[in-house]
Amino acid sequence: MDFGSGFTITTLYAALLGYGFGSIPFGLILAKLAGKGDIRSIGSGNIGATNVLRTGSKGLAAATLLLDLLKGFVPVFLAGIWFWQDMGWAALFAVLGHCFPIWLGFKGGKGVATNAGVAFGLMWPLGAIYAAVWIGVLALTRISSLAGMTAVVLTAVAAAFMGQPTFAKVMATIAMLVLWLHRENIKRLMAGTEPKVGSKG
């Protein structure tokens, strides 16, 4: 796993930048501010947009989705300006921050929306592919987890085909993490019991 020119002080800066932004639990904050309580106590217990939607507020879920995307995009974009050779580390740690935020005892989300922002930050065509696959699969199946996992994996493949080996390594590493975090979803998909968006399940 080599996302730069070896470990340097800028690698540390990039990692801290990514983790700092990624670890902001927007879903939890927005739900509490809106009087919806602690979203970790409902649905899947996740802090992401899909679980925020279970509060019954589409607007709140949309805001969470946008902010989770931005917390992936912003640190990667800034790393590209300040220390472009370590953009990959900012990308990886933005997703790690979302999935394992120190503020919540390292129990966060599953990284799909944040990884969408990361993809746009690395290279906008990757972000466009990610968004197209995510939205397309979601529209066809209405299964959020399947859409997210498909987008994560295909974007890693796309980066390789686009001649971006470093970005492909970044996205592949993140994809493995996202798939691992979705292991229970994968079991339900195989059993045919994974709930669809909008269903009470």
N, C-alpha and C. Protein backbone atom coordinates (compact mmCIF):
# COMPACT_ATOMS: atom_id res chain seq x y z
N MET A 1 0.86 -1.19 0.00
CA MET A 1 0.00 0.00 0.00
C MET A 1 0.89 1.23 0.00
N ASP A 2 1.10 1.83 -1.18
CA ASP A 2 1.97 2.98 -1.31
C ASP A 2 1.24 4.07 -2.07
N PHE A 3 0.75 5.06 -1.35
CA PHE A 3 -0.05 6.11 -1.97
C PHE A 3 0.75 7.38 -2.24
N GLY A 4 2.06 7.31 -2.07
CA GLY A 4 2.88 8.49 -2.27
C GLY A 4 4.32 8.09 -2.53
N SER A 5 5.23 8.95 -2.15
CA SER A 5 6.65 8.70 -2.40
C SER A 5 7.34 8.21 -1.14
N GLY A 6 6.64 7.44 -0.30
CA GLY A 6 7.20 6.99 0.96
C GLY A 6 6.68 7.87 2.08
N PHE A 7 6.86 7.40 3.31
CA PHE A 7 6.32 8.15 4.45
C PHE A 7 7.14 9.40 4.72
N THR A 8 6.48 10.54 4.72
CA THR A 8 7.11 11.82 5.03
C THR A 8 6.20 12.56 5.99
N ILE A 9 6.62 13.74 6.42
CA ILE A 9 5.79 14.53 7.32
C ILE A 9 4.49 14.94 6.63
N THR A 10 4.53 15.13 5.30
CA THR A 10 3.30 15.49 4.59
C THR A 10 2.31 14.32 4.55
N THR A 11 2.85 13.10 4.61
CA THR A 11 1.97 11.92 4.70
C THR A 11 1.14 12.00 5.98
N LEU A 12 1.81 12.36 7.08
CA LEU A 12 1.12 12.51 8.36
C LEU A 12 0.09 13.64 8.28
N TYR A 13 0.47 14.76 7.69
CA TYR A 13 -0.45 15.88 7.56
C TYR A 13 -1.69 15.48 6.75
N ALA A 14 -1.45 14.75 5.65
CA ALA A 14 -2.55 14.32 4.80
C ALA A 14 -3.49 13.38 5.55
N ALA A 15 -2.90 12.47 6.31
CA ALA A 15 -3.71 11.51 7.07
C ALA A 15 -4.54 12.22 8.14
N LEU A 16 -3.93 13.16 8.84
CA LEU A 16 -4.65 13.90 9.88
C LEU A 16 -5.73 14.78 9.28
N LEU A 17 -5.44 15.38 8.14
CA LEU A 17 -6.43 16.21 7.45
C LEU A 17 -7.64 15.36 7.07
N GLY A 18 -7.37 14.20 6.47
CA GLY A 18 -8.45 13.31 6.06
C GLY A 18 -9.27 12.82 7.24
N TYR A 19 -8.57 12.36 8.27
CA TYR A 19 -9.27 11.81 9.43
C TYR A 19 -10.07 12.90 10.15
N GLY A 20 -9.49 14.09 10.27
CA GLY A 20 -10.18 15.18 10.95
C GLY A 20 -11.51 15.51 10.32
N PHE A 21 -11.52 15.65 9.01
CA PHE A 21 -12.77 15.94 8.30
C PHE A 21 -13.70 14.72 8.32
N GLY A 22 -13.13 13.56 8.03
CA GLY A 22 -13.95 12.36 7.91
C GLY A 22 -14.65 11.96 9.20
N SER A 23 -14.06 12.30 10.33
CA SER A 23 -14.61 11.86 11.61
C SER A 23 -15.75 12.72 12.14
N ILE A 24 -16.09 13.79 11.43
CA ILE A 24 -17.22 14.63 11.88
C ILE A 24 -18.53 13.87 11.65
N PRO A 25 -19.27 13.53 12.70
CA PRO A 25 -20.50 12.72 12.55
C PRO A 25 -21.72 13.57 12.20
N PHE A 26 -21.78 14.02 10.96
CA PHE A 26 -22.84 14.93 10.56
C PHE A 26 -24.24 14.36 10.77
N GLY A 27 -24.42 13.08 10.46
CA GLY A 27 -25.74 12.47 10.62
C GLY A 27 -26.23 12.56 12.05
N LEU A 28 -25.35 12.24 12.98
CA LEU A 28 -25.68 12.29 14.40
C LEU A 28 -25.98 13.72 14.85
N ILE A 29 -25.13 14.65 14.42
CA ILE A 29 -25.30 16.06 14.80
C ILE A 29 -26.60 16.63 14.25
N LEU A 30 -26.87 16.41 12.97
CA LEU A 30 -28.07 16.97 12.34
C LEU A 30 -29.33 16.39 12.96
N ALA A 31 -29.32 15.08 13.21
CA ALA A 31 -30.51 14.44 13.80
C ALA A 31 -30.80 15.01 15.18
N LYS A 32 -29.76 15.21 15.97
CA LYS A 32 -29.96 15.76 17.32
C LYS A 32 -30.45 17.20 17.26
N LEU A 33 -29.87 17.99 16.35
CA LEU A 33 -30.28 19.39 16.21
C LEU A 33 -31.74 19.49 15.75
N ALA A 34 -32.17 18.51 14.96
CA ALA A 34 -33.54 18.51 14.44
C ALA A 34 -34.53 17.89 15.42
N GLY A 35 -34.04 17.47 16.59
CA GLY A 35 -34.93 16.88 17.59
C GLY A 35 -35.32 15.45 17.31
N LYS A 36 -34.50 14.76 16.50
CA LYS A 36 -34.81 13.37 16.15
C LYS A 36 -34.15 12.36 17.10
N GLY A 37 -33.40 12.87 18.06
CA GLY A 37 -32.74 11.98 19.01
C GLY A 37 -31.44 11.42 18.47
N ASP A 38 -30.99 10.36 19.08
CA ASP A 38 -29.73 9.71 18.70
C ASP A 38 -30.03 8.64 17.66
N ILE A 39 -29.58 8.87 16.42
CA ILE A 39 -29.90 7.91 15.35
C ILE A 39 -29.21 6.56 15.55
N ARG A 40 -28.26 6.51 16.46
CA ARG A 40 -27.61 5.23 16.74
C ARG A 40 -28.54 4.27 17.47
N SER A 41 -29.68 4.79 17.93
CA SER A 41 -30.63 3.96 18.66
C SER A 41 -31.79 3.49 17.78
N ILE A 42 -31.75 3.83 16.48
CA ILE A 42 -32.82 3.40 15.59
C ILE A 42 -32.24 2.65 14.39
N GLY A 43 -33.09 1.91 13.71
CA GLY A 43 -32.69 1.24 12.48
C GLY A 43 -31.44 0.41 12.63
N SER A 44 -30.47 0.68 11.76
CA SER A 44 -29.21 -0.06 11.76
C SER A 44 -28.23 0.45 12.81
N GLY A 45 -28.54 1.61 13.40
CA GLY A 45 -27.62 2.20 14.36
C GLY A 45 -26.50 2.97 13.68
N ASN A 46 -26.56 3.05 12.37
CA ASN A 46 -25.55 3.72 11.57
C ASN A 46 -25.71 5.23 11.64
N ILE A 47 -24.63 5.98 11.41
CA ILE A 47 -24.72 7.44 11.45
C ILE A 47 -24.84 8.05 10.05
N GLY A 48 -25.00 7.21 9.04
CA GLY A 48 -25.07 7.68 7.66
C GLY A 48 -26.46 8.09 7.21
N ALA A 49 -26.54 8.56 5.97
CA ALA A 49 -27.77 9.12 5.42
C ALA A 49 -28.91 8.10 5.35
N THR A 50 -28.60 6.85 5.04
CA THR A 50 -29.66 5.84 4.92
C THR A 50 -30.39 5.66 6.25
N ASN A 51 -29.64 5.66 7.33
CA ASN A 51 -30.28 5.50 8.64
C ASN A 51 -30.97 6.79 9.07
N VAL A 52 -30.41 7.93 8.71
CA VAL A 52 -31.06 9.21 9.01
C VAL A 52 -32.42 9.25 8.32
N LEU A 53 -32.52 8.66 7.14
CA LEU A 53 -33.80 8.62 6.42
C LEU A 53 -34.86 7.90 7.24
N ARG A 54 -34.44 6.99 8.09
CA ARG A 54 -35.39 6.25 8.92
C ARG A 54 -36.03 7.12 10.00
N THR A 55 -35.54 8.34 10.17
CA THR A 55 -36.20 9.27 11.09
C THR A 55 -37.47 9.83 10.47
N GLY A 56 -37.64 9.61 9.16
CA GLY A 56 -38.80 10.13 8.45
C GLY A 56 -38.55 11.45 7.77
N SER A 57 -37.34 11.97 7.87
CA SER A 57 -37.02 13.27 7.27
C SER A 57 -36.12 13.10 6.05
N LYS A 58 -36.70 13.27 4.87
CA LYS A 58 -35.90 13.16 3.65
C LYS A 58 -34.91 14.31 3.54
N GLY A 59 -35.32 15.49 4.00
CA GLY A 59 -34.44 16.65 3.95
C GLY A 59 -33.21 16.46 4.82
N LEU A 60 -33.41 15.89 5.98
CA LEU A 60 -32.31 15.64 6.90
C LEU A 60 -31.36 14.59 6.32
N ALA A 61 -31.94 13.58 5.69
CA ALA A 61 -31.12 12.54 5.06
C ALA A 61 -30.31 13.11 3.90
N ALA A 62 -30.94 13.99 3.12
CA ALA A 62 -30.25 14.60 1.99
C ALA A 62 -29.10 15.49 2.46
N ALA A 63 -29.33 16.23 3.54
CA ALA A 63 -28.29 17.09 4.10
C ALA A 63 -27.13 16.26 4.61
N THR A 64 -27.45 15.14 5.26
CA THR A 64 -26.40 14.24 5.76
C THR A 64 -25.60 13.67 4.61
N LEU A 65 -26.28 13.27 3.55
CA LEU A 65 -25.61 12.71 2.37
C LEU A 65 -24.64 13.73 1.79
N LEU A 66 -25.10 14.97 1.65
CA LEU A 66 -24.26 16.01 1.06
C LEU A 66 -23.04 16.30 1.94
N LEU A 67 -23.26 16.42 3.24
CA LEU A 67 -22.16 16.74 4.14
C LEU A 67 -21.17 15.58 4.27
N ASP A 68 -21.68 14.35 4.25
CA ASP A 68 -20.79 13.19 4.29
C ASP A 68 -19.96 13.11 3.01
N LEU A 69 -20.55 13.51 1.89
CA LEU A 69 -19.81 13.56 0.63
C LEU A 69 -18.74 14.64 0.70
N LEU A 70 -19.11 15.80 1.22
CA LEU A 70 -18.16 16.92 1.30
C LEU A 70 -16.99 16.62 2.22
N LYS A 71 -17.24 15.87 3.30
CA LYS A 71 -16.13 15.60 4.22
C LYS A 71 -15.14 14.60 3.62
N GLY A 72 -15.53 13.96 2.53
CA GLY A 72 -14.57 13.16 1.78
C GLY A 72 -13.88 13.99 0.72
N PHE A 73 -14.64 14.88 0.10
CA PHE A 73 -14.09 15.70 -0.99
C PHE A 73 -13.11 16.76 -0.50
N VAL A 74 -13.49 17.50 0.53
CA VAL A 74 -12.69 18.65 0.97
C VAL A 74 -11.25 18.30 1.36
N PRO A 75 -11.01 17.30 2.22
CA PRO A 75 -9.62 17.02 2.58
C PRO A 75 -8.78 16.53 1.41
N VAL A 76 -9.38 15.77 0.50
CA VAL A 76 -8.63 15.30 -0.67
C VAL A 76 -8.32 16.47 -1.60
N PHE A 77 -9.28 17.36 -1.77
CA PHE A 77 -9.07 18.55 -2.60
C PHE A 77 -7.96 19.42 -2.01
N LEU A 78 -8.00 19.64 -0.70
CA LEU A 78 -6.98 20.45 -0.05
C LEU A 78 -5.61 19.78 -0.10
N ALA A 79 -5.60 18.47 0.08
CA ALA A 79 -4.33 17.74 -0.02
C ALA A 79 -3.75 17.87 -1.42
N GLY A 80 -4.62 17.91 -2.42
CA GLY A 80 -4.16 18.08 -3.79
C GLY A 80 -3.48 19.42 -4.01
N ILE A 81 -3.85 20.41 -3.22
CA ILE A 81 -3.25 21.74 -3.32
C ILE A 81 -1.96 21.82 -2.50
N TRP A 82 -2.02 21.27 -1.29
CA TRP A 82 -0.92 21.44 -0.34
C TRP A 82 0.15 20.36 -0.44
N PHE A 83 -0.25 19.11 -0.64
CA PHE A 83 0.72 18.01 -0.75
C PHE A 83 0.14 16.92 -1.63
N TRP A 84 0.10 17.21 -2.94
CA TRP A 84 -0.59 16.36 -3.90
C TRP A 84 -0.06 14.93 -3.92
N GLN A 85 1.23 14.76 -3.58
CA GLN A 85 1.81 13.41 -3.63
C GLN A 85 1.22 12.49 -2.57
N ASP A 86 0.52 13.07 -1.59
CA ASP A 86 -0.08 12.25 -0.53
C ASP A 86 -1.60 12.34 -0.51
N MET A 87 -2.19 12.69 -1.64
CA MET A 87 -3.66 12.76 -1.73
C MET A 87 -4.31 11.44 -1.34
N GLY A 88 -3.66 10.34 -1.71
CA GLY A 88 -4.23 9.02 -1.43
C GLY A 88 -4.41 8.77 0.06
N TRP A 89 -3.46 9.26 0.85
CA TRP A 89 -3.57 9.07 2.29
C TRP A 89 -4.70 9.91 2.87
N ALA A 90 -4.88 11.11 2.35
CA ALA A 90 -6.01 11.94 2.79
C ALA A 90 -7.32 11.24 2.46
N ALA A 91 -7.37 10.61 1.28
CA ALA A 91 -8.57 9.90 0.85
C ALA A 91 -8.88 8.72 1.77
N LEU A 92 -7.88 7.89 2.01
CA LEU A 92 -8.09 6.71 2.85
C LEU A 92 -8.50 7.10 4.27
N PHE A 93 -7.83 8.10 4.82
CA PHE A 93 -8.12 8.46 6.21
C PHE A 93 -9.42 9.24 6.36
N ALA A 94 -9.90 9.86 5.30
CA ALA A 94 -11.22 10.49 5.36
C ALA A 94 -12.29 9.41 5.56
N VAL A 95 -12.15 8.31 4.82
CA VAL A 95 -13.10 7.20 4.96
C VAL A 95 -12.92 6.51 6.31
N LEU A 96 -11.67 6.33 6.73
CA LEU A 96 -11.43 5.73 8.05
C LEU A 96 -12.01 6.59 9.16
N GLY A 97 -11.91 7.91 9.00
CA GLY A 97 -12.47 8.81 10.00
C GLY A 97 -13.97 8.66 10.11
N HIS A 98 -14.64 8.52 8.96
CA HIS A 98 -16.09 8.35 8.98
C HIS A 98 -16.48 7.01 9.60
N CYS A 99 -15.74 5.97 9.24
CA CYS A 99 -16.08 4.63 9.72
C CYS A 99 -15.68 4.40 11.18
N PHE A 100 -14.60 5.06 11.59
CA PHE A 100 -14.09 4.85 12.95
C PHE A 100 -13.76 6.19 13.63
N PRO A 101 -14.78 7.01 13.89
CA PRO A 101 -14.53 8.32 14.50
C PRO A 101 -14.17 8.19 15.98
N ILE A 102 -13.09 8.82 16.36
CA ILE A 102 -12.63 8.74 17.74
C ILE A 102 -13.67 9.29 18.71
N TRP A 103 -14.46 10.28 18.24
CA TRP A 103 -15.45 10.93 19.10
C TRP A 103 -16.59 10.00 19.49
N LEU A 104 -16.80 8.94 18.71
CA LEU A 104 -17.92 8.03 18.97
C LEU A 104 -17.43 6.63 19.32
N GLY A 105 -16.26 6.57 19.93
CA GLY A 105 -15.72 5.27 20.32
C GLY A 105 -15.38 4.40 19.13
N PHE A 106 -15.01 5.04 18.02
CA PHE A 106 -14.61 4.36 16.79
C PHE A 106 -15.75 3.55 16.17
N LYS A 107 -16.99 3.98 16.43
CA LYS A 107 -18.15 3.32 15.82
C LYS A 107 -18.89 4.33 14.97
N GLY A 108 -18.67 4.27 13.66
CA GLY A 108 -19.26 5.25 12.76
C GLY A 108 -20.09 4.64 11.66
N GLY A 109 -19.94 5.18 10.46
CA GLY A 109 -20.73 4.71 9.33
C GLY A 109 -19.98 3.68 8.50
N LYS A 110 -20.47 3.48 7.26
CA LYS A 110 -19.88 2.45 6.41
C LYS A 110 -19.13 3.01 5.21
N GLY A 111 -19.04 4.33 5.12
CA GLY A 111 -18.11 4.95 4.19
C GLY A 111 -18.56 5.20 2.77
N VAL A 112 -19.77 4.84 2.41
CA VAL A 112 -20.17 4.94 1.00
C VAL A 112 -20.25 6.38 0.51
N ALA A 113 -20.96 7.24 1.22
CA ALA A 113 -21.10 8.63 0.79
C ALA A 113 -19.77 9.37 0.88
N THR A 114 -19.03 9.14 1.96
CA THR A 114 -17.73 9.79 2.11
C THR A 114 -16.78 9.35 1.00
N ASN A 115 -16.86 8.10 0.60
CA ASN A 115 -16.01 7.62 -0.48
C ASN A 115 -16.41 8.23 -1.82
N ALA A 116 -17.67 8.58 -1.97
CA ALA A 116 -18.09 9.28 -3.19
C ALA A 116 -17.38 10.63 -3.27
N GLY A 117 -17.32 11.34 -2.14
CA GLY A 117 -16.61 12.61 -2.10
C GLY A 117 -15.13 12.44 -2.37
N VAL A 118 -14.55 11.38 -1.82
CA VAL A 118 -13.15 11.06 -2.05
C VAL A 118 -12.89 10.86 -3.54
N ALA A 119 -13.78 10.13 -4.21
CA ALA A 119 -13.61 9.86 -5.64
C ALA A 119 -13.62 11.16 -6.44
N PHE A 120 -14.54 12.06 -6.12
CA PHE A 120 -14.57 13.36 -6.80
C PHE A 120 -13.30 14.15 -6.51
N GLY A 121 -12.80 14.05 -5.27
CA GLY A 121 -11.59 14.78 -4.90
C GLY A 121 -10.35 14.28 -5.62
N LEU A 122 -10.26 12.98 -5.81
CA LEU A 122 -9.11 12.41 -6.50
C LEU A 122 -9.11 12.78 -7.97
N MET A 123 -10.26 12.64 -8.61
CA MET A 123 -10.37 12.93 -10.04
C MET A 123 -11.85 12.95 -10.40
N TRP A 124 -12.32 14.07 -10.96
CA TRP A 124 -13.77 14.18 -11.12
C TRP A 124 -14.40 13.08 -11.99
N PRO A 125 -13.71 12.55 -13.03
CA PRO A 125 -14.33 11.44 -13.76
C PRO A 125 -14.61 10.23 -12.88
N LEU A 126 -13.74 9.98 -11.90
CA LEU A 126 -13.98 8.87 -10.97
C LEU A 126 -15.23 9.14 -10.15
N GLY A 127 -15.37 10.38 -9.71
CA GLY A 127 -16.56 10.75 -8.96
C GLY A 127 -17.82 10.59 -9.79
N ALA A 128 -17.73 10.96 -11.07
CA ALA A 128 -18.89 10.84 -11.97
C ALA A 128 -19.28 9.38 -12.16
N ILE A 129 -18.28 8.52 -12.31
CA ILE A 129 -18.55 7.08 -12.44
C ILE A 129 -19.19 6.54 -11.17
N TYR A 130 -18.62 6.94 -10.04
CA TYR A 130 -19.14 6.51 -8.75
C TYR A 130 -20.61 6.90 -8.61
N ALA A 131 -20.90 8.16 -8.89
CA ALA A 131 -22.27 8.67 -8.75
C ALA A 131 -23.23 7.96 -9.70
N ALA A 132 -22.79 7.76 -10.96
CA ALA A 132 -23.65 7.13 -11.96
C ALA A 132 -24.00 5.69 -11.56
N VAL A 133 -22.98 4.94 -11.11
CA VAL A 133 -23.22 3.55 -10.70
C VAL A 133 -24.10 3.51 -9.46
N TRP A 134 -23.79 4.32 -8.49
CA TRP A 134 -24.54 4.37 -7.23
C TRP A 134 -26.01 4.68 -7.47
N ILE A 135 -26.25 5.75 -8.21
CA ILE A 135 -27.63 6.17 -8.48
C ILE A 135 -28.35 5.15 -9.36
N GLY A 136 -27.62 4.63 -10.36
CA GLY A 136 -28.24 3.67 -11.28
C GLY A 136 -28.67 2.39 -10.59
N VAL A 137 -27.78 1.81 -9.79
CA VAL A 137 -28.11 0.56 -9.09
C VAL A 137 -29.20 0.80 -8.05
N LEU A 138 -29.14 1.95 -7.38
CA LEU A 138 -30.17 2.26 -6.38
C LEU A 138 -31.53 2.41 -7.05
N ALA A 139 -31.56 3.06 -8.21
CA ALA A 139 -32.82 3.24 -8.92
C ALA A 139 -33.40 1.90 -9.37
N LEU A 140 -32.54 0.98 -9.78
CA LEU A 140 -32.99 -0.32 -10.27
C LEU A 140 -33.43 -1.26 -9.15
N THR A 141 -32.71 -1.22 -8.03
CA THR A 141 -32.94 -2.20 -6.97
C THR A 141 -33.56 -1.65 -5.70
N ARG A 142 -33.39 -0.35 -5.48
CA ARG A 142 -33.82 0.32 -4.24
C ARG A 142 -33.13 -0.28 -3.01
N ILE A 143 -31.97 -0.89 -3.22
CA ILE A 143 -31.20 -1.44 -2.11
C ILE A 143 -29.94 -0.60 -1.94
N SER A 144 -29.92 0.18 -0.88
CA SER A 144 -28.83 1.13 -0.66
C SER A 144 -27.47 0.46 -0.54
N SER A 145 -27.40 -0.61 0.22
CA SER A 145 -26.11 -1.27 0.44
C SER A 145 -25.54 -1.82 -0.86
N LEU A 146 -26.38 -2.43 -1.69
CA LEU A 146 -25.93 -2.99 -2.96
C LEU A 146 -25.42 -1.89 -3.88
N ALA A 147 -26.13 -0.78 -3.92
CA ALA A 147 -25.72 0.35 -4.76
C ALA A 147 -24.37 0.88 -4.32
N GLY A 148 -24.20 1.05 -3.02
CA GLY A 148 -22.95 1.58 -2.50
C GLY A 148 -21.77 0.66 -2.76
N MET A 149 -21.95 -0.61 -2.48
CA MET A 149 -20.85 -1.57 -2.68
C MET A 149 -20.48 -1.70 -4.16
N THR A 150 -21.48 -1.70 -5.02
CA THR A 150 -21.21 -1.79 -6.46
C THR A 150 -20.42 -0.58 -6.93
N ALA A 151 -20.80 0.60 -6.46
CA ALA A 151 -20.11 1.83 -6.85
C ALA A 151 -18.67 1.82 -6.37
N VAL A 152 -18.45 1.39 -5.15
CA VAL A 152 -17.10 1.35 -4.57
C VAL A 152 -16.19 0.44 -5.39
N VAL A 153 -16.66 -0.75 -5.70
CA VAL A 153 -15.84 -1.72 -6.41
C VAL A 153 -15.58 -1.29 -7.86
N LEU A 154 -16.62 -0.86 -8.57
CA LEU A 154 -16.46 -0.49 -9.98
C LEU A 154 -15.61 0.76 -10.16
N THR A 155 -15.64 1.65 -9.18
CA THR A 155 -14.80 2.85 -9.28
C THR A 155 -13.32 2.49 -9.14
N ALA A 156 -13.02 1.52 -8.29
CA ALA A 156 -11.63 1.05 -8.17
C ALA A 156 -11.17 0.44 -9.49
N VAL A 157 -12.04 -0.35 -10.10
CA VAL A 157 -11.72 -0.96 -11.39
C VAL A 157 -11.54 0.12 -12.46
N ALA A 158 -12.43 1.12 -12.44
CA ALA A 158 -12.36 2.20 -13.42
C ALA A 158 -11.05 2.97 -13.31
N ALA A 159 -10.60 3.21 -12.09
CA ALA A 159 -9.35 3.94 -11.89
C ALA A 159 -8.18 3.20 -12.54
N ALA A 160 -8.19 1.88 -12.43
CA ALA A 160 -7.13 1.07 -13.05
C ALA A 160 -7.19 1.18 -14.57
N PHE A 161 -8.40 1.08 -15.14
CA PHE A 161 -8.56 1.16 -16.58
C PHE A 161 -8.24 2.55 -17.12
N MET A 162 -8.35 3.56 -16.27
CA MET A 162 -8.06 4.94 -16.68
C MET A 162 -6.57 5.27 -16.55
N GLY A 163 -5.76 4.28 -16.21
CA GLY A 163 -4.33 4.50 -16.11
C GLY A 163 -3.91 5.28 -14.89
N GLN A 164 -4.64 5.08 -13.78
CA GLN A 164 -4.34 5.76 -12.53
C GLN A 164 -4.04 4.72 -11.45
N PRO A 165 -2.86 4.09 -11.50
CA PRO A 165 -2.57 2.99 -10.57
C PRO A 165 -2.60 3.40 -9.10
N THR A 166 -2.14 4.61 -8.79
CA THR A 166 -2.15 5.05 -7.39
C THR A 166 -3.58 5.21 -6.89
N PHE A 167 -4.42 5.87 -7.69
CA PHE A 167 -5.82 6.05 -7.30
C PHE A 167 -6.54 4.71 -7.25
N ALA A 168 -6.16 3.80 -8.15
CA ALA A 168 -6.78 2.47 -8.14
C ALA A 168 -6.45 1.74 -6.84
N LYS A 169 -5.21 1.88 -6.36
CA LYS A 169 -4.83 1.25 -5.09
C LYS A 169 -5.62 1.84 -3.93
N VAL A 170 -5.77 3.17 -3.96
CA VAL A 170 -6.53 3.85 -2.91
C VAL A 170 -7.96 3.34 -2.88
N MET A 171 -8.60 3.35 -4.05
CA MET A 171 -10.00 2.96 -4.12
C MET A 171 -10.18 1.47 -3.83
N ALA A 172 -9.23 0.65 -4.23
CA ALA A 172 -9.32 -0.79 -3.94
C ALA A 172 -9.19 -1.05 -2.44
N THR A 173 -8.29 -0.33 -1.78
CA THR A 173 -8.13 -0.47 -0.34
C THR A 173 -9.41 -0.07 0.39
N ILE A 174 -9.98 1.05 -0.04
CA ILE A 174 -11.23 1.52 0.56
C ILE A 174 -12.36 0.54 0.26
N ALA A 175 -12.37 -0.01 -0.95
CA ALA A 175 -13.41 -0.97 -1.33
C ALA A 175 -13.39 -2.19 -0.41
N MET A 176 -12.20 -2.68 -0.10
CA MET A 176 -12.10 -3.84 0.79
C MET A 176 -12.64 -3.50 2.18
N LEU A 177 -12.34 -2.30 2.65
CA LEU A 177 -12.86 -1.87 3.95
C LEU A 177 -14.38 -1.77 3.92
N VAL A 178 -14.91 -1.14 2.87
CA VAL A 178 -16.36 -0.96 2.76
C VAL A 178 -17.08 -2.31 2.67
N LEU A 179 -16.53 -3.23 1.90
CA LEU A 179 -17.15 -4.56 1.80
C LEU A 179 -17.13 -5.28 3.14
N TRP A 180 -16.04 -5.14 3.87
CA TRP A 180 -15.96 -5.77 5.19
C TRP A 180 -17.00 -5.18 6.14
N LEU A 181 -17.17 -3.88 6.10
CA LEU A 181 -18.16 -3.23 6.95
C LEU A 181 -19.59 -3.60 6.56
N HIS A 182 -19.76 -4.03 5.33
CA HIS A 182 -21.09 -4.43 4.84
C HIS A 182 -21.29 -5.94 4.89
N ARG A 183 -20.46 -6.65 5.65
CA ARG A 183 -20.55 -8.11 5.65
C ARG A 183 -21.92 -8.62 6.07
N GLU A 184 -22.57 -7.96 7.02
CA GLU A 184 -23.92 -8.38 7.42
C GLU A 184 -24.93 -8.09 6.32
N ASN A 185 -24.74 -6.96 5.62
CA ASN A 185 -25.61 -6.64 4.49
C ASN A 185 -25.47 -7.69 3.39
N ILE A 186 -24.23 -8.13 3.16
CA ILE A 186 -23.98 -9.15 2.13
C ILE A 186 -24.70 -10.45 2.49
N LYS A 187 -24.66 -10.82 3.76
CA LYS A 187 -25.38 -12.02 4.19
C LYS A 187 -26.88 -11.89 3.93
N ARG A 188 -27.43 -10.70 4.24
CA ARG A 188 -28.87 -10.49 4.01
C ARG A 188 -29.19 -10.46 2.53
N LEU A 189 -28.29 -9.91 1.72
CA LEU A 189 -28.51 -9.90 0.27
C LEU A 189 -28.56 -11.33 -0.26
N MET A 190 -27.67 -12.16 0.22
CA MET A 190 -27.63 -13.56 -0.22
C MET A 190 -28.88 -14.32 0.25
N ALA A 191 -29.41 -13.89 1.39
CA ALA A 191 -30.62 -14.54 1.93
C ALA A 191 -31.89 -13.92 1.38
N GLY A 192 -31.75 -12.81 0.67
CA GLY A 192 -32.92 -12.14 0.12
C GLY A 192 -33.73 -11.34 1.13
N THR A 193 -33.07 -10.96 2.24
CA THR A 193 -33.77 -10.25 3.31
C THR A 193 -33.29 -8.82 3.52
N GLU A 194 -32.40 -8.35 2.64
CA GLU A 194 -31.91 -6.98 2.78
C GLU A 194 -33.03 -5.98 2.50
N PRO A 195 -33.32 -5.05 3.42
CA PRO A 195 -34.42 -4.11 3.21
C PRO A 195 -34.15 -3.12 2.08
N LYS A 196 -35.22 -2.65 1.48
CA LYS A 196 -35.11 -1.66 0.41
C LYS A 196 -35.38 -0.27 0.96
N VAL A 197 -34.86 0.73 0.28
CA VAL A 197 -35.09 2.11 0.69
C VAL A 197 -36.57 2.42 0.65
N GLY A 198 -37.07 2.93 1.74
CA GLY A 198 -38.49 3.27 1.84
C GLY A 198 -39.32 2.19 2.50
N SER A 199 -38.72 1.00 2.68
CA SER A 199 -39.48 -0.07 3.34
C SER A 199 -39.37 0.07 4.85
N LYS A 200 -40.33 -0.44 5.57
CA LYS A 200 -40.30 -0.34 7.04
C LYS A 200 -39.22 -1.23 7.63
N GLY A 201 -38.76 -2.22 6.85
CA GLY A 201 -37.70 -3.08 7.36
C GLY A 201 -36.37 -2.41 7.41
